[in-house]
Amino acid sequence: MVGTALPPPSAVPPGRYGPRVSSRIELEPEEVAGLIRGARLLELRHDTPPDVRRRFLDTALTAMDALCGLAERRGTDSVWDVLELLTHRELLAFTTLMASELAETNFALAPPDAGAQ
């Protein structure tokens, strides 16, 4: 299912016992920004002990999950609100990490339609 997007939450029918519960972490924009800062990505170095590195990276991945949850609930503008709260260096560290994490998944954009040329 490469390139297949999930339907928006409003398009998912409710479950047997009411609306489906999101599996995403639900935090406010300021909390998500704090979680990104709390990952301490700017402190990572080549000689960072593996256990500390894993803890920092796990925190950053949790922040990304919370950011995705915020986007699902409130839209893209809320993501920009979070990113606006970060310093330039924090933003670079976070986006660099998330780009590399995304590259290791099976995520891919759908190929362009050959008939649209």
PDB file of N, CA and C in Angstrom:
ATOM      1  N   MET A   1       0.817  -1.188   0.000  1.00  0.00           N
ATOM      2  CA  MET A   1       0.000   0.000   0.000  1.00  0.00           C
ATOM      3  C   MET A   1       0.863   1.255   0.000  1.00  0.00           C
ATOM      4  N   VAL A   2       1.917   1.237  -0.763  1.00  0.00           N
ATOM      5  CA  VAL A   2       2.797   2.389  -0.859  1.00  0.00           C
ATOM      6  C   VAL A   2       2.047   3.542  -1.497  1.00  0.00           C
ATOM      7  N   GLY A   3       2.156   4.713  -0.862  1.00  0.00           N
ATOM      8  CA  GLY A   3       1.529   5.904  -1.401  1.00  0.00           C
ATOM      9  C   GLY A   3       0.052   6.023  -1.120  1.00  0.00           C
ATOM     10  N   THR A   4      -0.521   5.093  -0.367  1.00  0.00           N
ATOM     11  CA  THR A   4      -1.941   5.133  -0.050  1.00  0.00           C
ATOM     12  C   THR A   4      -2.147   5.975   1.203  1.00  0.00           C
ATOM     13  N   ALA A   5      -2.942   6.993   1.098  1.00  0.00           N
ATOM     14  CA  ALA A   5      -3.211   7.866   2.238  1.00  0.00           C
ATOM     15  C   ALA A   5      -4.390   7.330   3.034  1.00  0.00           C
ATOM     16  N   LEU A   6      -4.344   7.545   4.333  1.00  0.00           N
ATOM     17  CA  LEU A   6      -5.466   7.170   5.184  1.00  0.00           C
ATOM     18  C   LEU A   6      -6.599   8.169   4.984  1.00  0.00           C
ATOM     19  N   PRO A   7      -7.831   7.730   5.122  1.00  0.00           N
ATOM     20  CA  PRO A   7      -8.945   8.676   4.983  1.00  0.00           C
ATOM     21  C   PRO A   7      -8.955   9.637   6.168  1.00  0.00           C
ATOM     22  N   PRO A   8      -9.477  10.839   5.983  1.00  0.00           N
ATOM     23  CA  PRO A   8      -9.559  11.763   7.109  1.00  0.00           C
ATOM     24  C   PRO A   8     -10.466  11.178   8.187  1.00  0.00           C
ATOM     25  N   PRO A   9     -10.228  11.556   9.462  1.00  0.00           N
ATOM     26  CA  PRO A   9     -11.044  11.002  10.547  1.00  0.00           C
ATOM     27  C   PRO A   9     -12.543  11.163  10.331  1.00  0.00           C
ATOM     28  N   SER A  10     -12.960  12.240   9.670  1.00  0.00           N
ATOM     29  CA  SER A  10     -14.399  12.457   9.442  1.00  0.00           C
ATOM     30  C   SER A  10     -14.978  11.447   8.466  1.00  0.00           C
ATOM     31  N   ALA A  11     -14.132  10.806   7.641  1.00  0.00           N
ATOM     32  CA  ALA A  11     -14.614   9.842   6.652  1.00  0.00           C
ATOM     33  C   ALA A  11     -14.658   8.421   7.202  1.00  0.00           C
ATOM     34  N   VAL A  12     -14.107   8.216   8.402  1.00  0.00           N
ATOM     35  CA  VAL A  12     -14.095   6.880   9.002  1.00  0.00           C
ATOM     36  C   VAL A  12     -15.408   6.698   9.758  1.00  0.00           C
ATOM     37  N   PRO A  13     -16.149   5.652   9.448  1.00  0.00           N
ATOM     38  CA  PRO A  13     -17.433   5.465  10.134  1.00  0.00           C
ATOM     39  C   PRO A  13     -17.214   5.180  11.622  1.00  0.00           C
ATOM     40  N   PRO A  14     -18.158   5.571  12.456  1.00  0.00           N
ATOM     41  CA  PRO A  14     -18.013   5.315  13.885  1.00  0.00           C
ATOM     42  C   PRO A  14     -18.016   3.813  14.168  1.00  0.00           C
ATOM     43  N   GLY A  15     -17.377   3.466  15.251  1.00  0.00           N
ATOM     44  CA  GLY A  15     -17.345   2.065  15.656  1.00  0.00           C
ATOM     45  C   GLY A  15     -18.671   1.636  16.258  1.00  0.00           C
ATOM     46  N   ARG A  16     -18.735   0.410  16.657  1.00  0.00           N
ATOM     47  CA  ARG A  16     -19.971  -0.150  17.215  1.00  0.00           C
ATOM     48  C   ARG A  16     -20.426   0.590  18.463  1.00  0.00           C
ATOM     49  N   TYR A  17     -19.472   1.088  19.243  1.00  0.00           N
ATOM     50  CA  TYR A  17     -19.804   1.732  20.517  1.00  0.00           C
ATOM     51  C   TYR A  17     -19.566   3.231  20.495  1.00  0.00           C
ATOM     52  N   GLY A  18     -19.561   3.840  19.337  1.00  0.00           N
ATOM     53  CA  GLY A  18     -19.376   5.283  19.240  1.00  0.00           C
ATOM     54  C   GLY A  18     -18.230   5.627  18.320  1.00  0.00           C
ATOM     55  N   PRO A  19     -17.775   6.887  18.354  1.00  0.00           N
ATOM     56  CA  PRO A  19     -16.711   7.314  17.446  1.00  0.00           C
ATOM     57  C   PRO A  19     -15.404   6.572  17.741  1.00  0.00           C
ATOM     58  N   ARG A  20     -14.640   6.348  16.675  1.00  0.00           N
ATOM     59  CA  ARG A  20     -13.355   5.685  16.843  1.00  0.00           C
ATOM     60  C   ARG A  20     -12.393   6.608  17.594  1.00  0.00           C
ATOM     61  N   VAL A  21     -11.535   5.998  18.372  1.00  0.00           N
ATOM     62  CA  VAL A  21     -10.556   6.751  19.143  1.00  0.00           C
ATOM     63  C   VAL A  21      -9.263   6.806  18.340  1.00  0.00           C
ATOM     64  N   SER A  22      -8.685   7.991  18.252  1.00  0.00           N
ATOM     65  CA  SER A  22      -7.425   8.148  17.539  1.00  0.00           C
ATOM     66  C   SER A  22      -6.316   7.445  18.312  1.00  0.00           C
ATOM     67  N   SER A  23      -5.409   6.825  17.579  1.00  0.00           N
ATOM     68  CA  SER A  23      -4.274   6.183  18.233  1.00  0.00           C
ATOM     69  C   SER A  23      -3.123   7.164  18.417  1.00  0.00           C
ATOM     70  N   ARG A  24      -3.306   8.397  18.003  1.00  0.00           N
ATOM     71  CA  ARG A  24      -2.273   9.427  18.129  1.00  0.00           C
ATOM     72  C   ARG A  24      -2.304  10.064  19.506  1.00  0.00           C
ATOM     73  N   ILE A  25      -1.157  10.551  19.918  1.00  0.00           N
ATOM     74  CA  ILE A  25      -1.039  11.284  21.170  1.00  0.00           C
ATOM     75  C   ILE A  25      -1.721  12.634  20.992  1.00  0.00           C
ATOM     76  N   GLU A  26      -2.491  13.053  21.966  1.00  0.00           N
ATOM     77  CA  GLU A  26      -3.204  14.322  21.872  1.00  0.00           C
ATOM     78  C   GLU A  26      -2.581  15.338  22.814  1.00  0.00           C
ATOM     79  N   LEU A  27      -1.865  16.297  22.236  1.00  0.00           N
ATOM     80  CA  LEU A  27      -1.246  17.385  22.986  1.00  0.00           C
ATOM     81  C   LEU A  27      -1.568  18.710  22.311  1.00  0.00           C
ATOM     82  N   GLU A  28      -1.453  19.776  23.073  1.00  0.00           N
ATOM     83  CA  GLU A  28      -1.636  21.123  22.544  1.00  0.00           C
ATOM     84  C   GLU A  28      -0.348  21.553  21.842  1.00  0.00           C
ATOM     85  N   PRO A  29      -0.413  22.554  20.957  1.00  0.00           N
ATOM     86  CA  PRO A  29       0.790  22.981  20.222  1.00  0.00           C
ATOM     87  C   PRO A  29       1.991  23.299  21.118  1.00  0.00           C
ATOM     88  N   GLU A  30       1.757  24.002  22.211  1.00  0.00           N
ATOM     89  CA  GLU A  30       2.861  24.352  23.116  1.00  0.00           C
ATOM     90  C   GLU A  30       3.479  23.102  23.740  1.00  0.00           C
ATOM     91  N   GLU A  31       2.647  22.102  24.019  1.00  0.00           N
ATOM     92  CA  GLU A  31       3.142  20.853  24.591  1.00  0.00           C
ATOM     93  C   GLU A  31       3.969  20.058  23.579  1.00  0.00           C
ATOM     94  N   VAL A  32       3.537  20.084  22.325  1.00  0.00           N
ATOM     95  CA  VAL A  32       4.289  19.385  21.284  1.00  0.00           C
ATOM     96  C   VAL A  32       5.655  20.048  21.102  1.00  0.00           C
ATOM     97  N   ALA A  33       5.677  21.369  21.073  1.00  0.00           N
ATOM     98  CA  ALA A  33       6.950  22.088  20.955  1.00  0.00           C
ATOM     99  C   ALA A  33       7.856  21.767  22.148  1.00  0.00           C
ATOM    100  N   GLY A  34       7.271  21.688  23.331  1.00  0.00           N
ATOM    101  CA  GLY A  34       8.046  21.333  24.521  1.00  0.00           C
ATOM    102  C   GLY A  34       8.600  19.916  24.438  1.00  0.00           C
ATOM    103  N   LEU A  35       7.836  19.019  23.868  1.00  0.00           N
ATOM    104  CA  LEU A  35       8.285  17.637  23.692  1.00  0.00           C
ATOM    105  C   LEU A  35       9.443  17.576  22.691  1.00  0.00           C
ATOM    106  N   ILE A  36       9.356  18.368  21.636  1.00  0.00           N
ATOM    107  CA  ILE A  36      10.455  18.428  20.663  1.00  0.00           C
ATOM    108  C   ILE A  36      11.713  18.956  21.342  1.00  0.00           C
ATOM    109  N   ARG A  37      11.568  20.034  22.114  1.00  0.00           N
ATOM    110  CA  ARG A  37      12.720  20.566  22.856  1.00  0.00           C
ATOM    111  C   ARG A  37      13.241  19.546  23.862  1.00  0.00           C
ATOM    112  N   GLY A  38      12.321  18.829  24.493  1.00  0.00           N
ATOM    113  CA  GLY A  38      12.686  17.833  25.497  1.00  0.00           C
ATOM    114  C   GLY A  38      13.447  16.651  24.922  1.00  0.00           C
ATOM    115  N   ALA A  39      13.368  16.464  23.599  1.00  0.00           N
ATOM    116  CA  ALA A  39      14.125  15.395  22.961  1.00  0.00           C
ATOM    117  C   ALA A  39      15.621  15.695  22.974  1.00  0.00           C
ATOM    118  N   ARG A  40      15.959  16.956  23.167  1.00  0.00           N
ATOM    119  CA  ARG A  40      17.360  17.400  23.304  1.00  0.00           C
ATOM    120  C   ARG A  40      18.218  16.973  22.113  1.00  0.00           C
ATOM    121  N   LEU A  41      17.666  17.100  20.923  1.00  0.00           N
ATOM    122  CA  LEU A  41      18.368  16.700  19.711  1.00  0.00           C
ATOM    123  C   LEU A  41      19.642  17.516  19.491  1.00  0.00           C
ATOM    124  N   LEU A  42      19.639  18.761  19.970  1.00  0.00           N
ATOM    125  CA  LEU A  42      20.819  19.604  19.795  1.00  0.00           C
ATOM    126  C   LEU A  42      22.009  19.113  20.622  1.00  0.00           C
ATOM    127  N   GLU A  43      21.753  18.254  21.595  1.00  0.00           N
ATOM    128  CA  GLU A  43      22.820  17.714  22.439  1.00  0.00           C
ATOM    129  C   GLU A  43      23.419  16.424  21.893  1.00  0.00           C
ATOM    130  N   LEU A  44      22.826  15.865  20.849  1.00  0.00           N
ATOM    131  CA  LEU A  44      23.350  14.617  20.289  1.00  0.00           C
ATOM    132  C   LEU A  44      24.696  14.856  19.618  1.00  0.00           C
ATOM    133  N   ARG A  45      25.630  13.992  19.905  1.00  0.00           N
ATOM    134  CA  ARG A  45      26.961  14.033  19.305  1.00  0.00           C
ATOM    135  C   ARG A  45      27.335  12.635  18.850  1.00  0.00           C
ATOM    136  N   HIS A  46      28.409  12.511  18.101  1.00  0.00           N
ATOM    137  CA  HIS A  46      28.834  11.195  17.632  1.00  0.00           C
ATOM    138  C   HIS A  46      29.228  10.284  18.784  1.00  0.00           C
ATOM    139  N   ASP A  47      29.626  10.864  19.926  1.00  0.00           N
ATOM    140  CA  ASP A  47      30.043  10.047  21.067  1.00  0.00           C
ATOM    141  C   ASP A  47      28.955   9.924  22.144  1.00  0.00           C
ATOM    142  N   THR A  48      27.720  10.290  21.812  1.00  0.00           N
ATOM    143  CA  THR A  48      26.609  10.129  22.756  1.00  0.00           C
ATOM    144  C   THR A  48      26.412   8.642  23.021  1.00  0.00           C
ATOM    145  N   PRO A  49      26.349   8.241  24.300  1.00  0.00           N
ATOM    146  CA  PRO A  49      26.135   6.816  24.605  1.00  0.00           C
ATOM    147  C   PRO A  49      24.858   6.293  23.939  1.00  0.00           C
ATOM    148  N   PRO A  50      24.884   5.057  23.479  1.00  0.00           N
ATOM    149  CA  PRO A  50      23.728   4.492  22.746  1.00  0.00           C
ATOM    150  C   PRO A  50      22.412   4.565  23.515  1.00  0.00           C
ATOM    151  N   ASP A  51      22.425   4.332  24.813  1.00  0.00           N
ATOM    152  CA  ASP A  51      21.170   4.368  25.573  1.00  0.00           C
ATOM    153  C   ASP A  51      20.605   5.785  25.645  1.00  0.00           C
ATOM    154  N   VAL A  52      21.470   6.777  25.773  1.00  0.00           N
ATOM    155  CA  VAL A  52      21.029   8.175  25.811  1.00  0.00           C
ATOM    156  C   VAL A  52      20.518   8.574  24.427  1.00  0.00           C
ATOM    157  N   ARG A  53      21.243   8.195  23.391  1.00  0.00           N
ATOM    158  CA  ARG A  53      20.830   8.482  22.019  1.00  0.00           C
ATOM    159  C   ARG A  53      19.436   7.906  21.750  1.00  0.00           C
ATOM    160  N   ARG A  54      19.221   6.658  22.130  1.00  0.00           N
ATOM    161  CA  ARG A  54      17.928   6.010  21.899  1.00  0.00           C
ATOM    162  C   ARG A  54      16.816   6.736  22.654  1.00  0.00           C
ATOM    163  N   ARG A  55      17.092   7.159  23.894  1.00  0.00           N
ATOM    164  CA  ARG A  55      16.082   7.870  24.685  1.00  0.00           C
ATOM    165  C   ARG A  55      15.716   9.203  24.026  1.00  0.00           C
ATOM    166  N   PHE A  56      16.717   9.946  23.561  1.00  0.00           N
ATOM    167  CA  PHE A  56      16.457  11.226  22.895  1.00  0.00           C
ATOM    168  C   PHE A  56      15.661  11.007  21.608  1.00  0.00           C
ATOM    169  N   LEU A  57      16.074  10.008  20.828  1.00  0.00           N
ATOM    170  CA  LEU A  57      15.387   9.740  19.555  1.00  0.00           C
ATOM    171  C   LEU A  57      13.968   9.237  19.779  1.00  0.00           C
ATOM    172  N   ASP A  58      13.769   8.420  20.803  1.00  0.00           N
ATOM    173  CA  ASP A  58      12.409   7.958  21.115  1.00  0.00           C
ATOM    174  C   ASP A  58      11.509   9.122  21.507  1.00  0.00           C
ATOM    175  N   THR A  59      12.061  10.081  22.243  1.00  0.00           N
ATOM    176  CA  THR A  59      11.282  11.268  22.612  1.00  0.00           C
ATOM    177  C   THR A  59      10.914  12.073  21.368  1.00  0.00           C
ATOM    178  N   ALA A  60      11.854  12.203  20.440  1.00  0.00           N
ATOM    179  CA  ALA A  60      11.579  12.931  19.200  1.00  0.00           C
ATOM    180  C   ALA A  60      10.517  12.219  18.368  1.00  0.00           C
ATOM    181  N   LEU A  61      10.565  10.901  18.335  1.00  0.00           N
ATOM    182  CA  LEU A  61       9.551  10.143  17.592  1.00  0.00           C
ATOM    183  C   LEU A  61       8.172  10.288  18.236  1.00  0.00           C
ATOM    184  N   THR A  62       8.147  10.338  19.553  1.00  0.00           N
ATOM    185  CA  THR A  62       6.886  10.583  20.256  1.00  0.00           C
ATOM    186  C   THR A  62       6.355  11.969  19.915  1.00  0.00           C
ATOM    187  N   ALA A  63       7.253  12.941  19.834  1.00  0.00           N
ATOM    188  CA  ALA A  63       6.855  14.301  19.453  1.00  0.00           C
ATOM    189  C   ALA A  63       6.282  14.320  18.039  1.00  0.00           C
ATOM    190  N   MET A  64       6.882  13.551  17.144  1.00  0.00           N
ATOM    191  CA  MET A  64       6.371  13.490  15.771  1.00  0.00           C
ATOM    192  C   MET A  64       4.978  12.873  15.747  1.00  0.00           C
ATOM    193  N   ASP A  65       4.757  11.847  16.551  1.00  0.00           N
ATOM    194  CA  ASP A  65       3.441  11.237  16.639  1.00  0.00           C
ATOM    195  C   ASP A  65       2.415  12.256  17.145  1.00  0.00           C
ATOM    196  N   ALA A  66       2.806  13.033  18.154  1.00  0.00           N
ATOM    197  CA  ALA A  66       1.912  14.059  18.693  1.00  0.00           C
ATOM    198  C   ALA A  66       1.647  15.142  17.654  1.00  0.00           C
ATOM    199  N   LEU A  67       2.668  15.492  16.861  1.00  0.00           N
ATOM    200  CA  LEU A  67       2.499  16.491  15.808  1.00  0.00           C
ATOM    201  C   LEU A  67       1.534  15.985  14.734  1.00  0.00           C
ATOM    202  N   CYS A  68       1.649  14.718  14.387  1.00  0.00           N
ATOM    203  CA  CYS A  68       0.719  14.118  13.409  1.00  0.00           C
ATOM    204  C   CYS A  68      -0.704  14.095  13.972  1.00  0.00           C
ATOM    205  N   GLY A  69      -0.835  13.773  15.257  1.00  0.00           N
ATOM    206  CA  GLY A  69      -2.152  13.781  15.889  1.00  0.00           C
ATOM    207  C   GLY A  69      -2.769  15.165  15.867  1.00  0.00           C
ATOM    208  N   LEU A  70      -1.950  16.166  16.126  1.00  0.00           N
ATOM    209  CA  LEU A  70      -2.429  17.546  16.087  1.00  0.00           C
ATOM    210  C   LEU A  70      -2.891  17.914  14.681  1.00  0.00           C
ATOM    211  N   ALA A  71      -2.138  17.486  13.684  1.00  0.00           N
ATOM    212  CA  ALA A  71      -2.514  17.758  12.287  1.00  0.00           C
ATOM    213  C   ALA A  71      -3.832  17.079  11.939  1.00  0.00           C
ATOM    214  N   GLU A  72      -4.025  15.853  12.414  1.00  0.00           N
ATOM    215  CA  GLU A  72      -5.273  15.135  12.143  1.00  0.00           C
ATOM    216  C   GLU A  72      -6.469  15.825  12.781  1.00  0.00           C
ATOM    217  N   ARG A  73      -6.277  16.339  13.980  1.00  0.00           N
ATOM    218  CA  ARG A  73      -7.382  16.961  14.708  1.00  0.00           C
ATOM    219  C   ARG A  73      -7.667  18.386  14.261  1.00  0.00           C
ATOM    220  N   ARG A  74      -6.604  19.165  14.017  1.00  0.00           N
ATOM    221  CA  ARG A  74      -6.784  20.600  13.784  1.00  0.00           C
ATOM    222  C   ARG A  74      -6.285  21.099  12.436  1.00  0.00           C
ATOM    223  N   GLY A  75      -5.639  20.257  11.673  1.00  0.00           N
ATOM    224  CA  GLY A  75      -5.177  20.666  10.347  1.00  0.00           C
ATOM    225  C   GLY A  75      -3.740  21.165  10.329  1.00  0.00           C
ATOM    226  N   THR A  76      -3.298  21.490   9.129  1.00  0.00           N
ATOM    227  CA  THR A  76      -1.910  21.874   8.892  1.00  0.00           C
ATOM    228  C   THR A  76      -1.521  23.167   9.596  1.00  0.00           C
ATOM    229  N   ASP A  77      -2.454  24.087   9.738  1.00  0.00           N
ATOM    230  CA  ASP A  77      -2.128  25.344  10.417  1.00  0.00           C
ATOM    231  C   ASP A  77      -1.615  25.109  11.831  1.00  0.00           C
ATOM    232  N   SER A  78      -2.134  24.105  12.508  1.00  0.00           N
ATOM    233  CA  SER A  78      -1.681  23.827  13.872  1.00  0.00           C
ATOM    234  C   SER A  78      -0.238  23.321  13.886  1.00  0.00           C
ATOM    235  N   VAL A  79       0.155  22.616  12.827  1.00  0.00           N
ATOM    236  CA  VAL A  79       1.546  22.165  12.715  1.00  0.00           C
ATOM    237  C   VAL A  79       2.465  23.368  12.572  1.00  0.00           C
ATOM    238  N   TRP A  80       2.056  24.318  11.730  1.00  0.00           N
ATOM    239  CA  TRP A  80       2.858  25.537  11.575  1.00  0.00           C
ATOM    240  C   TRP A  80       2.943  26.304  12.893  1.00  0.00           C
ATOM    241  N   ASP A  81       1.871  26.287  13.677  1.00  0.00           N
ATOM    242  CA  ASP A  81       1.895  26.949  14.986  1.00  0.00           C
ATOM    243  C   ASP A  81       2.969  26.341  15.885  1.00  0.00           C
ATOM    244  N   VAL A  82       3.100  25.013  15.844  1.00  0.00           N
ATOM    245  CA  VAL A  82       4.121  24.326  16.645  1.00  0.00           C
ATOM    246  C   VAL A  82       5.513  24.693  16.148  1.00  0.00           C
ATOM    247  N   LEU A  83       5.722  24.578  14.849  1.00  0.00           N
ATOM    248  CA  LEU A  83       7.048  24.820  14.282  1.00  0.00           C
ATOM    249  C   LEU A  83       7.505  26.257  14.500  1.00  0.00           C
ATOM    250  N   GLU A  84       6.548  27.166  14.564  1.00  0.00           N
ATOM    251  CA  GLU A  84       6.854  28.573  14.814  1.00  0.00           C
ATOM    252  C   GLU A  84       7.424  28.792  16.220  1.00  0.00           C
ATOM    253  N   LEU A  85       7.105  27.894  17.147  1.00  0.00           N
ATOM    254  CA  LEU A  85       7.578  28.014  18.528  1.00  0.00           C
ATOM    255  C   LEU A  85       9.012  27.521  18.716  1.00  0.00           C
ATOM    256  N   LEU A  86       9.560  26.853  17.711  1.00  0.00           N
ATOM    257  CA  LEU A  86      10.902  26.291  17.813  1.00  0.00           C
ATOM    258  C   LEU A  86      11.949  27.278  17.313  1.00  0.00           C
ATOM    259  N   THR A  87      13.165  27.149  17.849  1.00  0.00           N
ATOM    260  CA  THR A  87      14.269  27.944  17.314  1.00  0.00           C
ATOM    261  C   THR A  87      14.672  27.368  15.965  1.00  0.00           C
ATOM    262  N   HIS A  88      15.423  28.121  15.215  1.00  0.00           N
ATOM    263  CA  HIS A  88      15.880  27.664  13.905  1.00  0.00           C
ATOM    264  C   HIS A  88      16.686  26.370  14.037  1.00  0.00           C
ATOM    265  N   ARG A  89      17.557  26.289  15.014  1.00  0.00           N
ATOM    266  CA  ARG A  89      18.383  25.093  15.210  1.00  0.00           C
ATOM    267  C   ARG A  89      17.540  23.893  15.622  1.00  0.00           C
ATOM    268  N   GLU A  90      16.552  24.100  16.506  1.00  0.00           N
ATOM    269  CA  GLU A  90      15.665  23.005  16.913  1.00  0.00           C
ATOM    270  C   GLU A  90      14.866  22.483  15.720  1.00  0.00           C
ATOM    271  N   LEU A  91      14.399  23.404  14.902  1.00  0.00           N
ATOM    272  CA  LEU A  91      13.629  23.035  13.720  1.00  0.00           C
ATOM    273  C   LEU A  91      14.477  22.228  12.741  1.00  0.00           C
ATOM    274  N   LEU A  92      15.711  22.657  12.509  1.00  0.00           N
ATOM    275  CA  LEU A  92      16.604  21.916  11.617  1.00  0.00           C
ATOM    276  C   LEU A  92      16.898  20.519  12.151  1.00  0.00           C
ATOM    277  N   ALA A  93      17.181  20.422  13.437  1.00  0.00           N
ATOM    278  CA  ALA A  93      17.484  19.115  14.028  1.00  0.00           C
ATOM    279  C   ALA A  93      16.280  18.177  13.929  1.00  0.00           C
ATOM    280  N   PHE A  94      15.109  18.683  14.258  1.00  0.00           N
ATOM    281  CA  PHE A  94      13.906  17.857  14.242  1.00  0.00           C
ATOM    282  C   PHE A  94      13.539  17.418  12.826  1.00  0.00           C
ATOM    283  N   THR A  95      13.552  18.347  11.884  1.00  0.00           N
ATOM    284  CA  THR A  95      13.165  17.988  10.525  1.00  0.00           C
ATOM    285  C   THR A  95      14.183  17.063   9.865  1.00  0.00           C
ATOM    286  N   THR A  96      15.454  17.252  10.179  1.00  0.00           N
ATOM    287  CA  THR A  96      16.480  16.355   9.638  1.00  0.00           C
ATOM    288  C   THR A  96      16.263  14.936  10.145  1.00  0.00           C
ATOM    289  N   LEU A  97      15.997  14.807  11.429  1.00  0.00           N
ATOM    290  CA  LEU A  97      15.743  13.486  12.005  1.00  0.00           C
ATOM    291  C   LEU A  97      14.488  12.863  11.397  1.00  0.00           C
ATOM    292  N   MET A  98      13.424  13.639  11.299  1.00  0.00           N
ATOM    293  CA  MET A  98      12.174  13.084  10.791  1.00  0.00           C
ATOM    294  C   MET A  98      12.295  12.701   9.319  1.00  0.00           C
ATOM    295  N   ALA A  99      13.058  13.449   8.534  1.00  0.00           N
ATOM    296  CA  ALA A  99      13.265  13.081   7.125  1.00  0.00           C
ATOM    297  C   ALA A  99      14.000  11.751   7.034  1.00  0.00           C
ATOM    298  N   SER A 100      14.995  11.552   7.879  1.00  0.00           N
ATOM    299  CA  SER A 100      15.729  10.282   7.838  1.00  0.00           C
ATOM    300  C   SER A 100      14.864   9.132   8.348  1.00  0.00           C
ATOM    301  N   GLU A 101      14.033   9.377   9.337  1.00  0.00           N
ATOM    302  CA  GLU A 101      13.118   8.343   9.830  1.00  0.00           C
ATOM    303  C   GLU A 101      12.111   7.965   8.752  1.00  0.00           C
ATOM    304  N   LEU A 102      11.586   8.960   8.065  1.00  0.00           N
ATOM    305  CA  LEU A 102      10.611   8.716   7.007  1.00  0.00           C
ATOM    306  C   LEU A 102      11.240   7.938   5.857  1.00  0.00           C
ATOM    307  N   ALA A 103      12.497   8.220   5.565  1.00  0.00           N
ATOM    308  CA  ALA A 103      13.191   7.521   4.479  1.00  0.00           C
ATOM    309  C   ALA A 103      13.351   6.032   4.775  1.00  0.00           C
ATOM    310  N   GLU A 104      13.370   5.655   6.056  1.00  0.00           N
ATOM    311  CA  GLU A 104      13.534   4.254   6.437  1.00  0.00           C
ATOM    312  C   GLU A 104      12.211   3.483   6.470  1.00  0.00           C
ATOM    313  N   THR A 105      11.104   4.145   6.164  1.00  0.00           N
ATOM    314  CA  THR A 105       9.803   3.480   6.153  1.00  0.00           C
ATOM    315  C   THR A 105       9.443   3.120   4.716  1.00  0.00           C
ATOM    316  N   ASN A 106       8.283   2.520   4.551  1.00  0.00           N
ATOM    317  CA  ASN A 106       7.837   2.207   3.201  1.00  0.00           C
ATOM    318  C   ASN A 106       6.973   3.325   2.623  1.00  0.00           C
ATOM    319  N   PHE A 107       7.043   4.498   3.226  1.00  0.00           N
ATOM    320  CA  PHE A 107       6.281   5.636   2.729  1.00  0.00           C
ATOM    321  C   PHE A 107       6.843   6.083   1.386  1.00  0.00           C
ATOM    322  N   ALA A 108       5.979   6.358   0.470  1.00  0.00           N
ATOM    323  CA  ALA A 108       6.385   6.915  -0.817  1.00  0.00           C
ATOM    324  C   ALA A 108       5.189   7.616  -1.427  1.00  0.00           C
ATOM    325  N   LEU A 109       5.463   8.643  -2.158  1.00  0.00           N
ATOM    326  CA  LEU A 109       4.394   9.322  -2.872  1.00  0.00           C
ATOM    327  C   LEU A 109       3.962   8.463  -4.048  1.00  0.00           C
ATOM    328  N   ALA A 110       2.716   8.539  -4.371  1.00  0.00           N
ATOM    329  CA  ALA A 110       2.221   7.826  -5.545  1.00  0.00           C
ATOM    330  C   ALA A 110       2.899   8.382  -6.781  1.00  0.00           C
ATOM    331  N   PRO A 111       3.255   7.523  -7.725  1.00  0.00           N
ATOM    332  CA  PRO A 111       3.883   8.033  -8.951  1.00  0.00           C
ATOM    333  C   PRO A 111       2.919   8.922  -9.713  1.00  0.00           C
ATOM    334  N   PRO A 112       3.454   9.893 -10.452  1.00  0.00           N
ATOM    335  CA  PRO A 112       2.556  10.776 -11.218  1.00  0.00           C
ATOM    336  C   PRO A 112       1.800   9.977 -12.259  1.00  0.00           C
ATOM    337  N   ASP A 113       0.610  10.424 -12.550  1.00  0.00           N
ATOM    338  CA  ASP A 113      -0.240   9.764 -13.545  1.00  0.00           C
ATOM    339  C   ASP A 113       0.368   9.992 -14.929  1.00  0.00           C
ATOM    340  N   ALA A 114       0.685   8.894 -15.610  1.00  0.00           N
ATOM    341  CA  ALA A 114       1.326   8.993 -16.920  1.00  0.00           C
ATOM    342  C   ALA A 114       0.398   9.617 -17.963  1.00  0.00           C
ATOM    343  N   GLY A 115      -0.901   9.505 -17.767  1.00  0.00           N
ATOM    344  CA  GLY A 115      -1.851  10.047 -18.739  1.00  0.00           C
ATOM    345  C   GLY A 115      -2.068  11.541 -18.603  1.00  0.00           C
ATOM    346  N   ALA A 116      -1.560  12.151 -17.534  1.00  0.00           N
ATOM    347  CA  ALA A 116      -1.806  13.570 -17.285  1.00  0.00           C
ATOM    348  C   ALA A 116      -0.848  14.466 -18.052  1.00  0.00           C
ATOM    349  N   GLN A 117       0.018  13.920 -18.871  1.00  0.00           N
ATOM    350  CA  GLN A 117       0.997  14.751 -19.567  1.00  0.00           C
ATOM    351  C   GLN A 117       0.420  15.472 -20.727  1.00  0.00           C
TER     352      GLN A 117
END
